[in-house]
Amino acid sequence: MLESRGIEVVKHDLAKERPSRELLEKLIDEKRLEEFVNTRSPAYKERGLDVTRMTKKQAIDLMMEEPNLIRRPLLVGGKKAIFGFDAAKYEELP
């Protein structure tokens, strides 16, 4: 979708090339953790996690330990970051 609009896409496997803690801390808004944590991940369900009871630090600690808890795809373009597929938000990218 993005490539068809002429937007260069650099793909990374988050399991192999984990984002840095600093990047996650910059991108994640503590008031909207449910937008960043992959609640459909088997790891989320197996651990019995509840995103509504997490702090930002707890969520990032878990993401660093288990990258499947990061909602994917993660798009970073300009000063925007989008966690998860959202066609409407993709249209807003430069």
N, C-alpha and C. Protein backbone atom coordinates (compact mmCIF):
# COMPACT_ATOMS: atom_id res chain seq x y z
N MET A 1 0.82 -1.19 0.00
CA MET A 1 0.00 0.00 0.00
C MET A 1 0.87 1.27 0.00
N LEU A 2 1.85 1.31 0.89
CA LEU A 2 2.71 2.49 0.98
C LEU A 2 3.63 2.59 -0.22
N GLU A 3 4.18 1.44 -0.62
CA GLU A 3 5.09 1.44 -1.77
C GLU A 3 4.39 1.91 -3.03
N SER A 4 3.10 1.59 -3.19
CA SER A 4 2.35 2.02 -4.37
C SER A 4 2.17 3.54 -4.39
N ARG A 5 2.31 4.18 -3.25
CA ARG A 5 2.22 5.65 -3.16
C ARG A 5 3.59 6.30 -3.29
N GLY A 6 4.63 5.48 -3.55
CA GLY A 6 5.98 6.01 -3.70
C GLY A 6 6.69 6.24 -2.38
N ILE A 7 6.17 5.67 -1.31
CA ILE A 7 6.81 5.81 0.00
C ILE A 7 7.78 4.65 0.19
N GLU A 8 9.02 4.97 0.46
CA GLU A 8 10.03 3.94 0.67
C GLU A 8 9.74 3.20 1.98
N VAL A 9 9.77 1.89 1.91
CA VAL A 9 9.51 1.07 3.07
C VAL A 9 10.75 0.23 3.37
N VAL A 10 11.25 0.33 4.59
CA VAL A 10 12.36 -0.50 5.03
C VAL A 10 11.78 -1.48 6.04
N LYS A 11 11.88 -2.77 5.73
CA LYS A 11 11.25 -3.78 6.57
C LYS A 11 12.26 -4.38 7.53
N HIS A 12 11.80 -4.61 8.76
CA HIS A 12 12.61 -5.25 9.79
C HIS A 12 11.77 -6.32 10.46
N ASP A 13 12.39 -7.41 10.81
CA ASP A 13 11.73 -8.46 11.58
C ASP A 13 11.92 -8.08 13.05
N LEU A 14 10.85 -7.66 13.71
CA LEU A 14 10.97 -7.17 15.10
C LEU A 14 11.48 -8.23 16.05
N ALA A 15 11.29 -9.50 15.73
CA ALA A 15 11.80 -10.57 16.59
C ALA A 15 13.32 -10.66 16.50
N LYS A 16 13.87 -10.34 15.34
CA LYS A 16 15.32 -10.42 15.14
C LYS A 16 16.01 -9.08 15.34
N GLU A 17 15.32 -8.02 15.00
CA GLU A 17 15.88 -6.66 15.11
C GLU A 17 14.95 -5.84 16.00
N ARG A 18 15.03 -6.08 17.28
CA ARG A 18 14.12 -5.43 18.22
C ARG A 18 14.36 -3.93 18.26
N PRO A 19 13.28 -3.17 18.37
CA PRO A 19 13.47 -1.73 18.55
C PRO A 19 14.12 -1.46 19.90
N SER A 20 14.83 -0.36 19.97
CA SER A 20 15.50 -0.02 21.23
C SER A 20 14.48 0.43 22.27
N ARG A 21 14.87 0.30 23.52
CA ARG A 21 14.03 0.78 24.62
C ARG A 21 13.79 2.29 24.45
N GLU A 22 14.83 3.01 24.06
CA GLU A 22 14.71 4.46 23.89
C GLU A 22 13.66 4.80 22.83
N LEU A 23 13.64 4.04 21.72
CA LEU A 23 12.64 4.30 20.68
C LEU A 23 11.24 4.03 21.20
N LEU A 24 11.05 2.89 21.87
CA LEU A 24 9.73 2.57 22.41
C LEU A 24 9.28 3.61 23.43
N GLU A 25 10.19 4.06 24.27
CA GLU A 25 9.84 5.08 25.27
C GLU A 25 9.39 6.37 24.60
N LYS A 26 10.01 6.70 23.47
CA LYS A 26 9.66 7.92 22.75
C LYS A 26 8.31 7.78 22.03
N LEU A 27 8.01 6.58 21.52
CA LEU A 27 6.82 6.39 20.70
C LEU A 27 5.55 6.07 21.48
N ILE A 28 5.69 5.43 22.63
CA ILE A 28 4.53 4.92 23.35
C ILE A 28 3.97 5.95 24.32
N ASP A 29 2.65 6.14 24.23
CA ASP A 29 1.93 7.05 25.11
C ASP A 29 1.28 6.20 26.21
N GLU A 30 1.65 6.46 27.46
CA GLU A 30 1.14 5.66 28.58
C GLU A 30 -0.38 5.68 28.68
N LYS A 31 -1.01 6.75 28.23
CA LYS A 31 -2.46 6.86 28.33
C LYS A 31 -3.20 6.01 27.31
N ARG A 32 -2.45 5.47 26.33
CA ARG A 32 -3.08 4.68 25.26
C ARG A 32 -2.33 3.37 25.03
N LEU A 33 -1.92 2.70 26.09
CA LEU A 33 -1.12 1.48 25.95
C LEU A 33 -1.77 0.42 25.08
N GLU A 34 -3.10 0.36 25.10
CA GLU A 34 -3.80 -0.67 24.32
C GLU A 34 -3.55 -0.51 22.82
N GLU A 35 -3.10 0.66 22.39
CA GLU A 35 -2.79 0.88 20.97
C GLU A 35 -1.41 0.34 20.60
N PHE A 36 -0.60 0.02 21.59
CA PHE A 36 0.79 -0.38 21.34
C PHE A 36 1.07 -1.84 21.69
N VAL A 37 0.31 -2.40 22.59
CA VAL A 37 0.52 -3.78 23.05
C VAL A 37 -0.36 -4.72 22.21
N ASN A 38 0.25 -5.78 21.71
CA ASN A 38 -0.47 -6.77 20.91
C ASN A 38 -1.24 -7.72 21.84
N THR A 39 -2.48 -7.38 22.08
CA THR A 39 -3.29 -8.17 23.01
C THR A 39 -3.76 -9.49 22.39
N ARG A 40 -3.56 -9.65 21.08
CA ARG A 40 -3.93 -10.91 20.42
C ARG A 40 -2.77 -11.90 20.37
N SER A 41 -1.62 -11.49 20.84
CA SER A 41 -0.44 -12.35 20.84
C SER A 41 -0.64 -13.53 21.80
N PRO A 42 -0.23 -14.73 21.39
CA PRO A 42 -0.27 -15.86 22.33
C PRO A 42 0.49 -15.57 23.62
N ALA A 43 1.59 -14.83 23.52
CA ALA A 43 2.38 -14.49 24.71
C ALA A 43 1.55 -13.65 25.68
N TYR A 44 0.73 -12.76 25.17
CA TYR A 44 -0.13 -11.92 26.01
C TYR A 44 -1.13 -12.80 26.74
N LYS A 45 -1.76 -13.71 26.00
CA LYS A 45 -2.78 -14.57 26.58
C LYS A 45 -2.19 -15.58 27.55
N GLU A 46 -1.06 -16.17 27.20
CA GLU A 46 -0.42 -17.17 28.06
C GLU A 46 -0.01 -16.58 29.40
N ARG A 47 0.40 -15.34 29.40
CA ARG A 47 0.85 -14.68 30.63
C ARG A 47 -0.30 -14.10 31.44
N GLY A 48 -1.50 -14.13 30.87
CA GLY A 48 -2.66 -13.57 31.57
C GLY A 48 -2.52 -12.08 31.81
N LEU A 49 -1.97 -11.37 30.84
CA LEU A 49 -1.72 -9.94 30.98
C LEU A 49 -3.00 -9.13 30.84
N ASP A 50 -2.98 -7.94 31.40
CA ASP A 50 -4.10 -7.01 31.30
C ASP A 50 -3.51 -5.63 31.05
N VAL A 51 -3.58 -5.18 29.80
CA VAL A 51 -2.97 -3.91 29.42
C VAL A 51 -3.53 -2.74 30.22
N THR A 52 -4.75 -2.85 30.68
CA THR A 52 -5.35 -1.74 31.44
C THR A 52 -4.74 -1.60 32.83
N ARG A 53 -3.99 -2.60 33.26
CA ARG A 53 -3.36 -2.54 34.60
C ARG A 53 -1.86 -2.35 34.52
N MET A 54 -1.32 -2.06 33.33
CA MET A 54 0.12 -1.91 33.14
C MET A 54 0.53 -0.45 33.18
N THR A 55 1.77 -0.24 33.58
CA THR A 55 2.38 1.07 33.42
C THR A 55 3.15 1.04 32.10
N LYS A 56 3.55 2.18 31.64
CA LYS A 56 4.35 2.25 30.41
C LYS A 56 5.64 1.45 30.59
N LYS A 57 6.28 1.59 31.73
CA LYS A 57 7.53 0.87 31.98
C LYS A 57 7.30 -0.64 31.93
N GLN A 58 6.24 -1.12 32.55
CA GLN A 58 5.94 -2.55 32.53
C GLN A 58 5.70 -3.04 31.11
N ALA A 59 4.95 -2.27 30.33
CA ALA A 59 4.67 -2.65 28.94
C ALA A 59 5.96 -2.72 28.13
N ILE A 60 6.82 -1.74 28.28
CA ILE A 60 8.08 -1.73 27.52
C ILE A 60 8.99 -2.85 27.99
N ASP A 61 9.06 -3.10 29.28
CA ASP A 61 9.86 -4.23 29.79
C ASP A 61 9.40 -5.53 29.13
N LEU A 62 8.09 -5.73 29.07
CA LEU A 62 7.55 -6.94 28.46
C LEU A 62 7.85 -7.00 26.96
N MET A 63 7.75 -5.87 26.27
CA MET A 63 8.05 -5.81 24.84
C MET A 63 9.52 -6.11 24.57
N MET A 64 10.40 -5.65 25.44
CA MET A 64 11.82 -5.92 25.27
C MET A 64 12.11 -7.41 25.46
N GLU A 65 11.41 -8.00 26.38
CA GLU A 65 11.57 -9.43 26.66
C GLU A 65 10.91 -10.29 25.57
N GLU A 66 9.74 -9.88 25.13
CA GLU A 66 8.95 -10.65 24.16
C GLU A 66 8.45 -9.71 23.06
N PRO A 67 9.20 -9.60 21.94
CA PRO A 67 8.82 -8.64 20.90
C PRO A 67 7.47 -8.92 20.24
N ASN A 68 6.93 -10.12 20.40
CA ASN A 68 5.59 -10.39 19.85
C ASN A 68 4.51 -9.61 20.58
N LEU A 69 4.86 -8.97 21.68
CA LEU A 69 3.89 -8.14 22.40
C LEU A 69 3.80 -6.73 21.82
N ILE A 70 4.65 -6.43 20.82
CA ILE A 70 4.59 -5.14 20.14
C ILE A 70 3.55 -5.28 19.02
N ARG A 71 2.57 -4.41 19.02
CA ARG A 71 1.56 -4.44 17.95
C ARG A 71 2.25 -4.13 16.62
N ARG A 72 2.00 -4.99 15.65
CA ARG A 72 2.63 -4.87 14.35
C ARG A 72 1.59 -4.71 13.27
N PRO A 73 1.99 -4.17 12.15
CA PRO A 73 3.32 -3.63 11.86
C PRO A 73 3.55 -2.32 12.61
N LEU A 74 4.79 -2.00 12.78
CA LEU A 74 5.18 -0.73 13.38
C LEU A 74 5.74 0.12 12.26
N LEU A 75 5.06 1.21 11.95
CA LEU A 75 5.51 2.13 10.91
C LEU A 75 5.99 3.40 11.55
N VAL A 76 7.17 3.82 11.15
CA VAL A 76 7.72 5.08 11.61
C VAL A 76 8.00 5.90 10.37
N GLY A 77 7.37 7.04 10.27
CA GLY A 77 7.55 7.91 9.12
C GLY A 77 7.57 9.35 9.56
N GLY A 78 8.64 10.04 9.26
CA GLY A 78 8.75 11.41 9.73
C GLY A 78 8.72 11.43 11.24
N LYS A 79 7.80 12.18 11.81
CA LYS A 79 7.68 12.25 13.26
C LYS A 79 6.50 11.44 13.77
N LYS A 80 5.90 10.62 12.89
CA LYS A 80 4.75 9.82 13.28
C LYS A 80 5.14 8.36 13.42
N ALA A 81 4.44 7.67 14.30
CA ALA A 81 4.58 6.23 14.44
C ALA A 81 3.18 5.65 14.52
N ILE A 82 3.00 4.54 13.82
CA ILE A 82 1.71 3.86 13.82
C ILE A 82 1.96 2.40 14.19
N PHE A 83 1.32 1.96 15.25
CA PHE A 83 1.41 0.57 15.69
C PHE A 83 0.16 -0.14 15.19
N GLY A 84 0.33 -1.23 14.44
CA GLY A 84 -0.81 -1.97 13.91
C GLY A 84 -1.26 -1.40 12.58
N PHE A 85 -1.94 -2.23 11.80
CA PHE A 85 -2.41 -1.80 10.48
C PHE A 85 -3.61 -0.87 10.64
N ASP A 86 -3.50 0.31 10.04
CA ASP A 86 -4.59 1.28 10.05
C ASP A 86 -4.50 2.09 8.76
N ALA A 87 -5.26 1.68 7.75
CA ALA A 87 -5.19 2.30 6.43
C ALA A 87 -5.42 3.81 6.48
N ALA A 88 -6.37 4.25 7.31
CA ALA A 88 -6.65 5.69 7.40
C ALA A 88 -5.44 6.45 7.92
N LYS A 89 -4.78 5.91 8.91
CA LYS A 89 -3.59 6.59 9.46
C LYS A 89 -2.43 6.52 8.46
N TYR A 90 -2.34 5.43 7.69
CA TYR A 90 -1.29 5.32 6.68
C TYR A 90 -1.42 6.44 5.65
N GLU A 91 -2.65 6.81 5.33
CA GLU A 91 -2.90 7.86 4.35
C GLU A 91 -2.37 9.21 4.83
N GLU A 92 -2.23 9.37 6.15
CA GLU A 92 -1.75 10.63 6.70
C GLU A 92 -0.24 10.76 6.65
N LEU A 93 0.45 9.66 6.37
CA LEU A 93 1.92 9.71 6.31
C LEU A 93 2.37 10.55 5.12
N PRO A 94 3.50 11.24 5.29
CA PRO A 94 4.00 12.10 4.19
C PRO A 94 4.37 11.30 2.95
